[in-house]
C-alpha atoms as a PDB file:
ATOM      1  CA  UNK A   1     131.441  91.629  61.565  1.00  0.00           C
ATOM      2  CA  UNK A   2     132.582  94.853  59.899  1.00  0.00           C
ATOM      3  CA  UNK A   3     130.889  97.906  58.411  1.00  0.00           C
ATOM      4  CA  UNK A   4     131.471  96.319  55.001  1.00  0.00           C
ATOM      5  CA  UNK A   5     129.513  93.238  56.136  1.00  0.00           C
ATOM      6  CA  UNK A   6     126.658  95.422  57.359  1.00  0.00           C
ATOM      7  CA  UNK A   7     126.544  97.391  54.117  1.00  0.00           C
ATOM      8  CA  UNK A   8     126.598  94.155  52.103  1.00  0.00           C
ATOM      9  CA  UNK A   9     123.657  92.830  54.154  1.00  0.00           C
ATOM     10  CA  UNK A  10     121.551  95.921  53.463  1.00  0.00           C
ATOM     11  CA  UNK A  11     122.384  95.759  49.748  1.00  0.00           C
ATOM     12  CA  UNK A  12     121.411  92.071  49.660  1.00  0.00           C
ATOM     13  CA  UNK A  13     118.062  92.916  51.246  1.00  0.00           C
ATOM     14  CA  UNK A  14     117.349  95.411  48.465  1.00  0.00           C
ATOM     15  CA  UNK A  15     118.452  98.747  49.866  1.00  0.00           C
ATOM     16  CA  UNK A  16     120.669 101.296  48.207  1.00  0.00           C
ATOM     17  CA  UNK A  17     123.631 101.921  50.502  1.00  0.00           C
ATOM     18  CA  UNK A  18     126.070 104.797  50.209  1.00  0.00           C
ATOM     19  CA  UNK A  19     128.759 106.387  52.307  1.00  0.00           C
ATOM     20  CA  UNK A  20     127.910 109.847  53.596  1.00  0.00           C
ATOM     21  CA  UNK A  21     130.421 112.407  54.818  1.00  0.00           C
ATOM     22  CA  UNK A  22     129.449 114.911  57.488  1.00  0.00           C
ATOM     23  CA  UNK A  23     130.922 118.421  57.442  1.00  0.00           C
ATOM     24  CA  UNK A  24     133.034 117.465  60.493  1.00  0.00           C
ATOM     25  CA  UNK A  25     134.650 114.569  58.582  1.00  0.00           C
ATOM     26  CA  UNK A  26     132.677 111.704  60.142  1.00  0.00           C
ATOM     27  CA  UNK A  27     131.661 108.961  57.711  1.00  0.00           C
ATOM     28  CA  UNK A  28     128.256 107.304  57.876  1.00  0.00           C
ATOM     29  CA  UNK A  29     126.613 104.307  56.274  1.00  0.00           C
ATOM     30  CA  UNK A  30     123.534 105.690  54.536  1.00  0.00           C
ATOM     31  CA  UNK A  31     120.587 103.421  53.766  1.00  0.00           C
ATOM     32  CA  UNK A  32     118.236 104.945  51.207  1.00  0.00           C
ATOM     33  CA  UNK A  33     114.452 104.758  50.975  1.00  0.00           C
ATOM     34  CA  UNK A  34     113.654 102.868  54.171  1.00  0.00           C
ATOM     35  CA  UNK A  35     109.924 102.412  54.710  1.00  0.00           C
ATOM     36  CA  UNK A  36     108.758 102.920  58.285  1.00  0.00           C
ATOM     37  CA  UNK A  37     107.086  99.573  59.041  1.00  0.00           C
ATOM     38  CA  UNK A  38     104.641 100.549  61.807  1.00  0.00           C
ATOM     39  CA  UNK A  39     103.627 103.307  64.187  1.00  0.00           C
ATOM     40  CA  UNK A  40     102.514 106.861  63.512  1.00  0.00           C
ATOM     41  CA  UNK A  41     104.814 107.212  60.496  1.00  0.00           C
ATOM     42  CA  UNK A  42     104.007 103.797  58.970  1.00  0.00           C
ATOM     43  CA  UNK A  43     104.484 103.857  55.223  1.00  0.00           C
ATOM     44  CA  UNK A  44     106.670 106.961  55.188  1.00  0.00           C
ATOM     45  CA  UNK A  45     109.962 106.694  53.391  1.00  0.00           C
ATOM     46  CA  UNK A  46     113.149 108.059  54.912  1.00  0.00           C
ATOM     47  CA  UNK A  47     116.878 107.692  54.632  1.00  0.00           C
ATOM     48  CA  UNK A  48     118.694 106.253  57.646  1.00  0.00           C
ATOM     49  CA  UNK A  49     122.349 106.718  58.537  1.00  0.00           C
ATOM     50  CA  UNK A  50     124.556 105.222  61.223  1.00  0.00           C
ATOM     51  CA  UNK A  51     128.076 106.271  62.078  1.00  0.00           C
ATOM     52  CA  UNK A  52     130.472 103.985  60.215  1.00  0.00           C
ATOM     53  CA  UNK A  53     132.502 101.851  62.597  1.00  0.00           C
ATOM     54  CA  UNK A  54     136.075 101.001  61.601  1.00  0.00           C
ATOM     55  CA  UNK A  55     137.004  99.009  64.702  1.00  0.00           C
ATOM     56  CA  UNK A  56     137.279  95.258  65.046  1.00  0.00           C
ATOM     57  CA  UNK A  57     135.332  93.910  66.729  1.00  0.00           C
ATOM     58  CA  UNK A  58     132.481  95.994  65.356  1.00  0.00           C
ATOM     59  CA  UNK A  59     131.026  98.432  67.898  1.00  0.00           C
ATOM     60  CA  UNK A  60     127.510  99.462  66.940  1.00  0.00           C
ATOM     61  CA  UNK A  61     126.759 103.133  67.475  1.00  0.00           C
ATOM     62  CA  UNK A  62     123.280 103.020  69.039  1.00  0.00           C
ATOM     63  CA  UNK A  63     122.045 106.263  67.530  1.00  0.00           C
ATOM     64  CA  UNK A  64     120.476 106.506  64.116  1.00  0.00           C
ATOM     65  CA  UNK A  65     120.032 109.548  61.897  1.00  0.00           C
ATOM     66  CA  UNK A  66     116.991 110.104  59.684  1.00  0.00           C
ATOM     67  CA  UNK A  67     116.193 112.301  56.737  1.00  0.00           C
ATOM     68  CA  UNK A  68     113.673 113.846  56.693  1.00  0.00           C
ATOM     69  CA  UNK A  69     113.232 114.866  60.295  1.00  0.00           C
ATOM     70  CA  UNK A  70     110.206 112.843  61.475  1.00  0.00           C
ATOM     71  CA  UNK A  71     109.668 114.593  64.837  1.00  0.00           C
ATOM     72  CA  UNK A  72     110.680 118.045  66.027  1.00  0.00           C
ATOM     73  CA  UNK A  73     114.220 118.187  67.320  1.00  0.00           C
ATOM     74  CA  UNK A  74     114.314 118.510  71.075  1.00  0.00           C
ATOM     75  CA  UNK A  75     111.567 115.912  71.537  1.00  0.00           C
ATOM     76  CA  UNK A  76     111.810 112.139  72.002  1.00  0.00           C
ATOM     77  CA  UNK A  77     115.615 112.315  72.430  1.00  0.00           C
ATOM     78  CA  UNK A  78     115.952 113.652  68.879  1.00  0.00           C
ATOM     79  CA  UNK A  79     118.463 116.392  68.197  1.00  0.00           C
ATOM     80  CA  UNK A  80     120.607 118.006  65.521  1.00  0.00           C
ATOM     81  CA  UNK A  81     122.658 115.621  63.413  1.00  0.00           C
ATOM     82  CA  UNK A  82     126.258 116.119  62.344  1.00  0.00           C
ATOM     83  CA  UNK A  83     125.060 115.268  58.823  1.00  0.00           C
ATOM     84  CA  UNK A  84     123.338 118.646  58.518  1.00  0.00           C
ATOM     85  CA  UNK A  85     120.026 120.436  59.123  1.00  0.00           C
ATOM     86  CA  UNK A  86     117.969 118.039  56.967  1.00  0.00           C
ATOM     87  CA  UNK A  87     118.923 115.148  59.254  1.00  0.00           C
ATOM     88  CA  UNK A  88     117.884 114.253  62.822  1.00  0.00           C
ATOM     89  CA  UNK A  89     119.985 112.344  65.377  1.00  0.00           C
ATOM     90  CA  UNK A  90     117.981 109.834  67.436  1.00  0.00           C
ATOM     91  CA  UNK A  91     119.704 109.025  70.728  1.00  0.00           C
ATOM     92  CA  UNK A  92     119.006 105.365  71.514  1.00  0.00           C
ATOM     93  CA  UNK A  93     120.581 102.312  73.205  1.00  0.00           C
ATOM     94  CA  UNK A  94     121.750  99.137  71.514  1.00  0.00           C
ATOM     95  CA  UNK A  95     122.325  96.292  73.965  1.00  0.00           C
ATOM     96  CA  UNK A  96     122.634  93.249  71.722  1.00  0.00           C
ATOM     97  CA  UNK A  97     125.528  91.551  69.998  1.00  0.00           C
ATOM     98  CA  UNK A  98     125.932  93.415  66.697  1.00  0.00           C
ATOM     99  CA  UNK A  99     124.947  91.369  63.658  1.00  0.00           C
ATOM    100  CA  UNK A 100     123.453  92.718  60.455  1.00  0.00           C
ATOM    101  CA  UNK A 101     120.055  91.282  61.429  1.00  0.00           C
ATOM    102  CA  UNK A 102     120.033  92.714  64.978  1.00  0.00           C
ATOM    103  CA  UNK A 103     121.092  96.111  63.626  1.00  0.00           C
ATOM    104  CA  UNK A 104     118.344  96.076  60.978  1.00  0.00           C
ATOM    105  CA  UNK A 105     115.839  95.127  63.688  1.00  0.00           C
ATOM    106  CA  UNK A 106     117.150  97.949  65.904  1.00  0.00           C
ATOM    107  CA  UNK A 107     116.618 100.494  63.122  1.00  0.00           C
ATOM    108  CA  UNK A 108     113.099  99.282  62.293  1.00  0.00           C
ATOM    109  CA  UNK A 109     112.134  99.189  65.975  1.00  0.00           C
ATOM    110  CA  UNK A 110     113.243 102.789  66.486  1.00  0.00           C
ATOM    111  CA  UNK A 111     111.316 103.936  63.427  1.00  0.00           C
ATOM    112  CA  UNK A 112     108.188 102.012  64.471  1.00  0.00           C
ATOM    113  CA  UNK A 113     108.145 103.268  68.033  1.00  0.00           C
ATOM    114  CA  UNK A 114     108.581 106.881  67.057  1.00  0.00           C
END
């Protein structure tokens, strides 16, 4: 799997996907208009970004970034994002083989448990 495969998967499931560049030069896969499926923010819409991986095999960065900030930074392992002040970095673990489906599930689980 590659970042291109992951981006293709999200496009095929109906999301708008774009590449985002952080001020420090890092490139992220941005997934637009993701609806939080459950939990205290159920129904809210946010953008999600993950650091774009260029290695083979694909190494999933466990953290996600959200815009808008759903919880105050400094709580729930959420901190400043390299993408800028409108984004939040969510420090999380990812312990599964990376496939588009397991990554999508990882993102939705994080958003739901928030």
